């Protein structure tokens, strides 16, 4: 997920980040720990936000919070959104 974080949050390369996330949610999803799945949902919410897909943003943020409730930043992002 660090690679996607760099693509999306640091470099702003949303298209490539979305491709990597698609792979993470596909064949690699079972291998990810809950906190990594939560990060993936959080990052995908960032991509959806960029595309103005607000319902998908909220859905991914809620899923991230369910997977990693201790990550306050996910809750804060949902509150701001």
Protein backbone atom coordinates (compact mmCIF):
# COMPACT_ATOMS: atom_id res chain seq x y z
CA UNK A 1 0.00 0.00 0.00
CA UNK A 2 2.97 2.31 0.44
CA UNK A 3 3.49 2.39 -3.32
CA UNK A 4 -0.14 3.46 -3.82
CA UNK A 5 0.16 6.02 -1.02
CA UNK A 6 3.12 7.62 -2.80
CA UNK A 7 1.31 7.60 -6.15
CA UNK A 8 -1.95 9.04 -4.86
CA UNK A 9 -1.07 11.25 -1.89
CA UNK A 10 2.45 12.43 -2.77
CA UNK A 11 2.67 12.46 -6.55
CA UNK A 12 -1.01 12.88 -7.39
CA UNK A 13 -0.89 10.12 -10.01
CA UNK A 14 -4.43 8.89 -9.52
CA UNK A 15 -4.78 6.73 -12.63
CA UNK A 16 -1.77 4.56 -11.86
CA UNK A 17 -2.72 4.44 -8.19
CA UNK A 18 -6.18 3.22 -9.14
CA UNK A 19 -4.68 0.45 -11.27
CA UNK A 20 -2.54 -0.77 -8.38
CA UNK A 21 -5.54 -0.62 -6.05
CA UNK A 22 -7.62 -2.65 -8.49
CA UNK A 23 -4.98 -5.38 -8.32
CA UNK A 24 -4.90 -5.14 -4.52
CA UNK A 25 -8.67 -5.58 -4.29
CA UNK A 26 -8.52 -8.41 -6.78
CA UNK A 27 -6.14 -11.32 -6.51
CA UNK A 28 -4.16 -9.94 -3.55
CA UNK A 29 -7.07 -9.03 -1.24
CA UNK A 30 -6.97 -12.26 0.76
CA UNK A 31 -3.28 -11.74 1.55
CA UNK A 32 -3.73 -8.28 3.07
CA UNK A 33 -4.03 -7.66 6.79
CA UNK A 34 -7.13 -5.76 7.93
CA UNK A 35 -5.18 -2.54 8.44
CA UNK A 36 -3.74 -2.79 4.93
CA UNK A 37 -7.21 -3.37 3.49
CA UNK A 38 -8.35 -0.30 5.42
CA UNK A 39 -5.52 1.76 3.92
CA UNK A 40 -6.49 0.51 0.46
CA UNK A 41 -10.08 1.63 0.99
CA UNK A 42 -8.88 4.99 2.30
CA UNK A 43 -6.66 5.52 -0.73
CA UNK A 44 -9.41 4.41 -3.10
CA UNK A 45 -11.66 6.99 -1.42
CA UNK A 46 -9.06 9.61 -2.38
CA UNK A 47 -9.24 8.47 -6.00
CA UNK A 48 -13.06 8.55 -5.93
CA UNK A 49 -12.97 12.02 -4.40
CA UNK A 50 -10.81 13.24 -7.27
CA UNK A 51 -13.44 11.85 -9.68
CA UNK A 52 -16.28 13.46 -7.71
CA UNK A 53 -17.81 10.04 -6.95
CA UNK A 54 -19.07 11.09 -3.54
CA UNK A 55 -21.15 7.99 -2.73
CA UNK A 56 -18.12 5.78 -3.37
CA UNK A 57 -15.94 8.05 -1.20
CA UNK A 58 -18.28 7.65 1.76
CA UNK A 59 -18.60 3.90 1.20
CA UNK A 60 -14.82 3.36 1.11
CA UNK A 61 -14.22 5.57 4.14
CA UNK A 62 -16.85 3.68 6.15
CA UNK A 63 -15.29 0.37 5.16
CA UNK A 64 -11.85 1.65 6.16
CA UNK A 65 -13.23 2.66 9.56
CA UNK A 66 -14.83 -0.75 10.06
CA UNK A 67 -11.56 -2.51 9.23
CA UNK A 68 -9.35 -0.24 11.36
CA UNK A 69 -11.46 1.66 13.91
CA UNK A 70 -8.35 2.85 15.77
CA UNK A 71 -7.21 4.87 12.75
CA UNK A 72 -8.67 8.23 13.76
CA UNK A 73 -7.57 9.83 10.51
CA UNK A 74 -10.12 7.73 8.60
CA UNK A 75 -12.89 8.96 10.90
CA UNK A 76 -11.70 12.54 10.62
CA UNK A 77 -11.68 12.35 6.82
CA UNK A 78 -15.26 11.05 6.80
CA UNK A 79 -16.27 13.84 9.18
CA UNK A 80 -14.73 16.47 6.91
CA UNK A 81 -16.22 14.96 3.81
